[in-house]
Amino acid sequence: MASQEKPRQVGEVVYTEGKVSVHRAGKTITALDIGDVVHAYDVVMTGPASLAQVDLGSGRPGGAFIRLSENTAFYFDTKELSVEQRRTVLQLLSGSIAVKVEKLAGGSFSAVSDTAVLGVRGTEFVIDTIPDGSILVSCVEGAVAIQGPEGQTATAQPGKAVTGREAGLVTATVTVSELARFRSSWRQDSFASFADQAVRYSSGYATTLDTKRGAFDAALASLRSQEATLSLWREAKASGKAPRFSEWTTEKKALGGVLFESLKALFIMERPYYRLLELKSLHGRGTGVGTLQDDRSTTDFFNQFDARYGSLADGMANVREALLLFAWASAGSPLGDFFGAKAESLGSGALFLNGDNW
């Protein structure tokens, strides 16, 4: 009798091409390969002319298959609620992804970009973005409900794509057979329009990193002061322990407030950082060359980018790992229960805390 193929793990990398890396638990892994597993809150990144595919439990209800284009960064959280139900949230930090979601049954699947929150209804769809936050959502099948930053709503489905810019959401009629051409044209036109604004966006993102870095570093230092608790949970989780909600009450109270302040700082910093990585790649191709608002040349800025901000990326990965460990120690309780109404101040990041909002 032929042996059955071993099922893939949730988060398994099934294809890579070019430079594919991950930020995980305070470290950067620069050579992600087929068969490697990416965990919740790992930021997966593709470089220029690079591709990746990640399996999030495809073939099972609520599972998904993710394809990353070049210069793309994303992370996810996913929870299996039952055999038929899974809740998943994707945070798209830059670039473009194609997603195929299995039948959701009673679960849910959400995705977040710079300017929109997407609620998926069992579908195959693509999210294209450019560095100014403009977005195109297109579907091959199923439907995606989209909410813009000002509360506007629209639905992408076969025959109707949705674009989002600062002015709001716009629905475009496009047949499925013309979808690939439409996406290509939208990306080409959008990047061409963006080129004249690239220096301004590089300046704005750089200013955010520089002016908010102090608050982030202070929050991170407080979080690292809780390393004894984090280490305890890290070792217990690695050993296969099943936590109980009633355990570590004192530790969770002590770490909860510190973690919340770190998350506030994280959600301010992470998107500008990964957008600047994308802009760095575009700069290498001649887009966005000039002088920043603080009189630094873009060439000097991007040449020094890794040395200046590399530790920031590692620190953000530390915060995400702390969130993962806190969620594990919370034994399945929605994290919004710990942080209360304050979670709303995290914007789209709150989607990772309160399962009821997924």
Protein backbone atom coordinates (compact mmCIF):
# COMPACT_ATOMS: atom_id res chain seq x y z
CA MET A 1 0.00 0.00 0.00
CA ALA A 2 1.48 3.33 -1.05
CA SER A 3 2.35 5.68 1.81
CA GLN A 4 0.23 8.80 2.09
CA GLU A 5 1.84 12.18 1.52
CA LYS A 6 2.64 13.92 4.78
CA PRO A 7 0.27 16.88 5.27
CA ARG A 8 1.85 20.30 5.15
CA GLN A 9 2.25 22.30 8.32
CA VAL A 10 0.41 25.58 8.71
CA GLY A 11 2.81 28.25 7.50
CA GLU A 12 4.92 25.93 5.37
CA VAL A 13 6.95 27.53 2.58
CA VAL A 14 6.22 25.66 -0.66
CA TYR A 15 8.07 27.80 -3.20
CA THR A 16 10.82 30.42 -3.23
CA GLU A 17 12.58 32.27 -5.99
CA GLY A 18 15.30 34.83 -5.44
CA LYS A 19 15.75 36.48 -2.04
CA VAL A 20 13.18 35.42 0.58
CA SER A 21 13.79 36.20 4.25
CA VAL A 22 11.96 36.46 7.56
CA HIS A 23 12.08 38.64 10.68
CA ARG A 24 11.45 36.38 13.67
CA ALA A 25 11.87 36.81 17.44
CA GLY A 26 14.48 39.54 17.24
CA LYS A 27 16.46 38.01 14.39
CA THR A 28 16.60 38.12 10.61
CA ILE A 29 16.77 34.80 8.76
CA THR A 30 18.11 35.61 5.32
CA ALA A 31 17.63 32.31 3.50
CA LEU A 32 14.08 31.00 3.74
CA ASP A 33 13.64 27.83 1.69
CA ILE A 34 11.06 25.26 0.61
CA GLY A 35 9.87 23.18 3.56
CA ASP A 36 10.65 25.84 6.15
CA VAL A 37 7.77 26.86 8.41
CA VAL A 38 6.87 30.47 9.16
CA HIS A 39 4.99 31.05 12.39
CA ALA A 40 2.39 33.55 13.45
CA TYR A 41 3.84 37.09 13.53
CA ASP A 42 6.91 36.16 11.47
CA VAL A 43 7.35 38.83 8.78
CA VAL A 44 8.02 37.12 5.47
CA MET A 45 9.75 39.31 2.87
CA THR A 46 10.60 38.97 -0.80
CA GLY A 47 13.31 41.06 -2.41
CA PRO A 48 13.52 42.46 -5.94
CA ALA A 49 12.64 39.92 -8.67
CA SER A 50 11.77 37.40 -5.95
CA LEU A 51 8.69 35.29 -5.23
CA ALA A 52 7.38 33.03 -2.46
CA GLN A 53 4.39 30.83 -1.71
CA VAL A 54 3.20 29.96 1.80
CA ASP A 55 0.63 27.29 2.70
CA LEU A 56 -1.61 28.21 5.63
CA GLY A 57 -3.47 24.93 5.93
CA SER A 58 -4.84 24.88 2.39
CA GLY A 59 -7.31 22.13 1.57
CA ARG A 60 -9.00 22.49 4.97
CA PRO A 61 -11.83 24.86 5.99
CA GLY A 62 -10.44 28.32 6.64
CA GLY A 63 -7.03 27.41 5.26
CA ALA A 64 -5.33 29.49 2.59
CA PHE A 65 -2.58 29.55 0.02
CA ILE A 66 -0.56 32.79 -0.20
CA ARG A 67 1.57 33.94 -3.14
CA LEU A 68 3.94 36.88 -2.58
CA SER A 69 5.14 39.09 -5.41
CA GLU A 70 8.49 40.88 -5.34
CA ASN A 71 9.19 43.52 -2.68
CA THR A 72 6.39 42.20 -0.50
CA ALA A 73 6.22 41.85 3.28
CA PHE A 74 3.42 40.31 5.33
CA TYR A 75 2.65 38.44 8.52
CA PHE A 76 -0.33 36.52 9.83
CA ASP A 77 -2.08 35.09 12.83
CA THR A 78 -4.29 32.03 12.50
CA LYS A 79 -6.22 29.96 15.01
CA GLU A 80 -7.99 26.64 14.48
CA LEU A 81 -11.32 26.90 16.29
CA SER A 82 -12.56 23.44 15.31
CA VAL A 83 -12.15 20.90 12.51
CA GLU A 84 -14.35 23.09 10.31
CA GLN A 85 -13.41 26.57 11.53
CA ARG A 86 -10.32 28.77 11.42
CA ARG A 87 -9.79 32.48 12.04
CA THR A 88 -6.97 34.16 10.15
CA VAL A 89 -5.72 37.74 9.89
CA LEU A 90 -3.09 38.90 7.38
CA GLN A 91 -1.16 42.16 7.73
CA LEU A 92 0.16 43.26 4.32
CA LEU A 93 2.99 45.71 4.98
CA SER A 94 4.12 46.25 1.39
CA GLY A 95 3.83 44.81 -2.09
CA SER A 96 1.21 42.43 -3.46
CA ILE A 97 -0.24 39.05 -2.52
CA ALA A 98 -2.57 36.56 -4.18
CA VAL A 99 -4.70 34.50 -1.80
CA LYS A 100 -6.85 31.43 -2.22
CA VAL A 101 -9.06 30.83 0.82
CA GLU A 102 -10.85 27.54 1.39
CA LYS A 103 -14.51 27.43 2.44
CA LEU A 104 -14.70 29.27 5.75
CA ALA A 105 -17.65 27.45 7.32
CA GLY A 106 -18.07 29.31 10.64
CA GLY A 107 -14.58 30.82 10.67
CA SER A 108 -13.27 34.07 9.22
CA PHE A 109 -10.43 35.48 7.15
CA SER A 110 -9.38 39.15 7.18
CA ALA A 111 -6.59 41.12 5.57
CA VAL A 112 -5.27 44.59 6.39
CA SER A 113 -3.33 47.04 4.20
CA ASP A 114 -2.29 50.68 4.63
CA THR A 115 -5.73 52.02 3.77
CA ALA A 116 -8.24 49.17 3.94
CA VAL A 117 -9.56 46.27 5.98
CA LEU A 118 -10.78 43.30 3.97
CA GLY A 119 -13.31 40.70 5.09
CA VAL A 120 -13.14 37.58 2.94
CA ARG A 121 -16.03 35.27 2.14
CA GLY A 122 -14.28 32.15 0.82
CA THR A 123 -12.62 33.25 -2.38
CA GLU A 124 -9.60 33.66 -4.61
CA PHE A 125 -8.39 37.25 -4.69
CA VAL A 126 -5.39 39.54 -5.19
CA ILE A 127 -4.31 42.62 -3.24
CA ASP A 128 -2.01 44.98 -5.14
CA THR A 129 -0.53 48.00 -3.37
CA ILE A 130 1.99 50.72 -4.12
CA PRO A 131 4.07 52.68 -1.57
CA ASP A 132 1.60 55.56 -1.21
CA GLY A 133 -0.98 53.10 0.15
CA SER A 134 -3.09 52.88 -3.00
CA ILE A 135 -4.73 49.48 -3.31
CA LEU A 136 -6.44 47.30 -5.91
CA VAL A 137 -8.54 44.34 -4.77
CA SER A 138 -9.66 41.91 -7.46
CA CYS A 139 -11.43 38.54 -7.27
CA VAL A 140 -11.43 35.48 -9.46
CA GLU A 141 -14.26 33.97 -7.42
CA GLY A 142 -16.17 34.71 -4.23
CA ALA A 143 -16.29 38.17 -2.70
CA VAL A 144 -14.22 40.49 -0.52
CA ALA A 145 -15.86 43.22 1.58
CA ILE A 146 -13.59 46.28 1.83
CA GLN A 147 -13.69 49.12 4.35
CA GLY A 148 -11.68 52.26 3.69
CA PRO A 149 -10.04 54.54 6.27
CA GLU A 150 -13.05 56.86 6.47
CA GLY A 151 -15.53 54.01 6.82
CA GLN A 152 -16.43 53.76 3.13
CA THR A 153 -17.38 50.26 2.00
CA ALA A 154 -17.30 48.36 -1.29
CA THR A 155 -17.29 44.75 -2.45
CA ALA A 156 -14.87 43.17 -4.90
CA GLN A 157 -16.19 40.15 -6.80
CA PRO A 158 -15.86 38.61 -10.26
CA GLY A 159 -16.70 41.40 -12.68
CA LYS A 160 -16.02 44.18 -10.15
CA ALA A 161 -12.61 45.27 -8.84
CA VAL A 162 -12.14 47.89 -6.14
CA THR A 163 -9.43 50.54 -6.05
CA GLY A 164 -8.62 52.58 -2.99
CA ARG A 165 -6.74 55.86 -2.83
CA GLU A 166 -6.75 58.88 -0.54
CA ALA A 167 -9.99 60.03 -2.19
CA GLY A 168 -11.79 56.80 -1.22
CA LEU A 169 -12.92 53.52 -2.75
CA VAL A 170 -13.94 53.18 -6.40
CA THR A 171 -15.54 50.14 -8.04
CA ALA A 172 -14.46 49.29 -11.59
CA THR A 173 -16.23 46.89 -13.93
CA VAL A 174 -13.81 44.33 -15.38
CA THR A 175 -14.45 40.81 -16.66
CA VAL A 176 -12.51 37.90 -15.19
CA SER A 177 -10.91 37.26 -18.59
CA GLU A 178 -9.53 40.82 -18.60
CA LEU A 179 -8.48 40.85 -14.94
CA ALA A 180 -4.79 40.11 -15.46
CA ARG A 181 -4.50 42.87 -18.05
CA PHE A 182 -6.43 45.27 -15.82
CA ARG A 183 -4.16 44.57 -12.85
CA SER A 184 -1.02 45.01 -14.97
CA SER A 185 -2.30 48.31 -16.36
CA TRP A 186 -3.31 49.55 -12.89
CA ARG A 187 0.09 48.75 -11.43
CA GLN A 188 1.96 50.31 -14.34
CA ASP A 189 -0.12 53.50 -14.26
CA SER A 190 -0.05 53.73 -10.46
CA PHE A 191 3.72 53.33 -10.17
CA ALA A 192 4.21 55.83 -13.00
CA SER A 193 2.03 58.38 -11.18
CA PHE A 194 3.77 57.64 -7.92
CA ALA A 195 7.28 58.17 -9.27
CA ASP A 196 7.12 61.96 -8.94
CA GLN A 197 5.99 61.59 -5.32
CA ALA A 198 8.48 58.91 -4.28
CA VAL A 199 10.94 61.30 -2.60
CA ARG A 200 8.13 62.90 -0.61
CA TYR A 201 6.94 59.52 0.64
CA SER A 202 10.49 58.44 1.47
CA SER A 203 10.84 61.65 3.51
CA GLY A 204 7.55 61.10 5.29
CA TYR A 205 8.27 57.49 6.21
CA ALA A 206 11.82 58.36 7.31
CA THR A 207 10.48 61.16 9.50
CA THR A 208 8.07 58.75 11.18
CA LEU A 209 10.85 56.30 11.97
CA ASP A 210 13.17 58.99 13.28
CA THR A 211 10.63 60.93 15.37
CA LYS A 212 8.86 57.87 16.83
CA ARG A 213 11.98 55.78 17.37
CA GLY A 214 12.54 57.09 20.90
CA ALA A 215 9.05 56.07 22.05
CA PHE A 216 9.44 52.66 20.44
CA ASP A 217 12.86 52.06 22.02
CA ALA A 218 11.52 53.06 25.45
CA ALA A 219 8.56 50.69 25.13
CA LEU A 220 10.86 47.91 23.90
CA ALA A 221 13.22 48.42 26.87
CA SER A 222 10.27 48.01 29.25
CA LEU A 223 9.20 44.89 27.40
CA ARG A 224 12.70 43.42 27.58
CA SER A 225 12.68 44.01 31.33
CA GLN A 226 10.04 41.25 31.40
CA GLU A 227 12.43 38.77 29.81
CA ALA A 228 12.21 36.37 32.75
CA THR A 229 8.50 35.86 32.07
CA LEU A 230 8.96 35.71 28.30
CA SER A 231 11.75 33.16 28.69
CA LEU A 232 9.56 31.07 30.99
CA TRP A 233 6.74 31.03 28.44
CA ARG A 234 9.12 30.47 25.55
CA GLU A 235 10.55 27.35 27.16
CA ALA A 236 7.16 26.05 28.28
CA LYS A 237 5.70 26.52 24.81
CA ALA A 238 8.68 24.78 23.18
CA SER A 239 8.26 21.82 25.55
CA GLY A 240 4.71 21.25 24.31
CA LYS A 241 2.98 22.40 27.50
CA ALA A 242 -0.75 23.15 27.24
CA PRO A 243 -1.34 26.33 29.26
CA ARG A 244 -4.43 26.96 31.39
CA PHE A 245 -6.19 30.30 31.55
CA SER A 246 -5.77 30.38 35.34
CA GLU A 247 -1.97 30.11 35.17
CA TRP A 248 0.52 32.99 35.34
CA THR A 249 -2.08 35.55 36.39
CA THR A 250 0.50 37.77 38.08
CA GLU A 251 2.90 37.54 35.14
CA LYS A 252 0.17 38.35 32.62
CA LYS A 253 -0.94 41.39 34.61
CA ALA A 254 2.64 42.65 34.84
CA LEU A 255 3.40 42.09 31.18
CA GLY A 256 0.03 43.10 29.71
CA GLY A 257 0.40 46.86 30.06
CA VAL A 258 4.01 46.83 28.90
CA LEU A 259 3.08 44.75 25.86
CA PHE A 260 0.20 47.05 24.98
CA GLU A 261 2.47 50.12 24.93
CA SER A 262 4.93 48.18 22.76
CA LEU A 263 2.16 47.24 20.35
CA LYS A 264 1.06 50.87 20.04
CA ALA A 265 4.61 51.82 19.07
CA LEU A 266 4.95 48.79 16.77
CA PHE A 267 1.88 49.56 14.68
CA ILE A 268 3.15 53.10 14.11
CA MET A 269 6.61 51.97 12.99
CA GLU A 270 6.22 48.75 11.05
CA ARG A 271 4.51 49.93 7.88
CA PRO A 272 6.86 52.92 7.27
CA TYR A 273 9.84 50.59 7.77
CA TYR A 274 8.71 47.98 5.25
CA ARG A 275 7.51 50.63 2.80
CA LEU A 276 11.00 52.12 2.92
CA LEU A 277 12.46 48.72 2.07
CA GLU A 278 10.22 48.72 -0.98
CA LEU A 279 11.26 52.27 -1.83
CA LYS A 280 14.89 51.28 -1.44
CA SER A 281 14.40 48.69 -4.17
CA LEU A 282 12.66 51.23 -6.41
CA HIS A 283 15.44 53.74 -5.71
CA GLY A 284 17.95 51.19 -7.02
CA ARG A 285 16.03 51.25 -10.29
CA GLY A 286 16.11 55.04 -10.49
CA THR A 287 12.75 55.92 -8.94
CA GLY A 288 12.67 58.47 -6.13
CA VAL A 289 16.22 59.79 -6.46
CA GLY A 290 16.65 63.23 -4.93
CA THR A 291 16.91 65.02 -1.61
CA LEU A 292 14.89 64.32 1.53
CA GLN A 293 13.26 67.10 3.54
CA ASP A 294 16.14 67.04 6.02
CA ASP A 295 18.62 67.63 3.16
CA ARG A 296 20.00 64.08 3.12
CA SER A 297 20.40 62.70 -0.35
CA THR A 298 18.24 59.64 -1.01
CA THR A 299 21.39 57.81 -2.10
CA ASP A 300 23.07 58.39 1.27
CA PHE A 301 19.85 57.58 3.14
CA PHE A 302 19.28 54.22 1.47
CA ASN A 303 22.98 53.29 1.54
CA GLN A 304 22.88 53.74 5.32
CA PHE A 305 19.39 52.28 5.78
CA ASP A 306 20.32 48.81 7.00
CA ALA A 307 22.93 50.09 9.45
CA ARG A 308 20.58 52.78 10.77
CA TYR A 309 17.38 50.78 11.05
CA GLY A 310 18.42 47.11 11.18
CA SER A 311 18.12 47.02 14.98
CA LEU A 312 14.65 48.53 14.65
CA ALA A 313 13.52 45.56 12.55
CA ASP A 314 14.88 43.16 15.17
CA GLY A 315 13.16 45.09 17.95
CA MET A 316 9.82 44.97 16.14
CA ALA A 317 10.28 41.21 15.78
CA ASN A 318 10.81 41.03 19.56
CA VAL A 319 7.46 42.73 20.13
CA ARG A 320 5.67 40.36 17.76
CA GLU A 321 7.19 37.35 19.52
CA ALA A 322 6.04 38.74 22.88
CA LEU A 323 2.51 39.04 21.48
CA LEU A 324 2.68 35.43 20.29
CA LEU A 325 3.85 34.22 23.71
CA PHE A 326 1.25 36.30 25.55
CA ALA A 327 -1.48 34.88 23.31
CA TRP A 328 -0.24 31.36 24.03
CA ALA A 329 -0.15 31.96 27.79
CA SER A 330 -3.67 33.42 27.60
CA ALA A 331 -4.89 29.95 26.65
CA GLY A 332 -7.28 30.90 23.86
CA SER A 333 -8.97 33.90 25.48
CA PRO A 334 -9.38 36.88 23.09
CA LEU A 335 -6.57 39.28 23.87
CA GLY A 336 -8.99 42.19 23.71
CA ASP A 337 -10.35 40.88 27.02
CA PHE A 338 -6.98 41.66 28.60
CA PHE A 339 -6.51 45.05 27.02
CA GLY A 340 -10.15 46.17 27.15
CA ALA A 341 -11.38 49.19 25.21
CA LYS A 342 -7.77 50.40 24.84
CA ALA A 343 -7.34 47.91 21.98
CA GLU A 344 -9.34 50.25 19.75
CA SER A 345 -6.45 52.72 19.85
CA LEU A 346 -4.32 50.22 17.91
CA GLY A 347 -6.33 50.78 14.72
CA SER A 348 -6.19 47.80 12.37
CA GLY A 349 -3.78 46.13 14.80
CA ALA A 350 -6.76 45.48 17.06
CA LEU A 351 -7.82 42.78 14.63
CA PHE A 352 -5.00 40.65 16.02
CA LEU A 353 -6.24 41.01 19.59
CA ASN A 354 -9.99 40.47 19.61
CA GLY A 355 -11.28 37.38 17.83
CA ASP A 356 -14.82 38.77 17.91
CA ASN A 357 -13.78 41.42 15.38
CA TRP A 358 -12.45 38.89 12.87
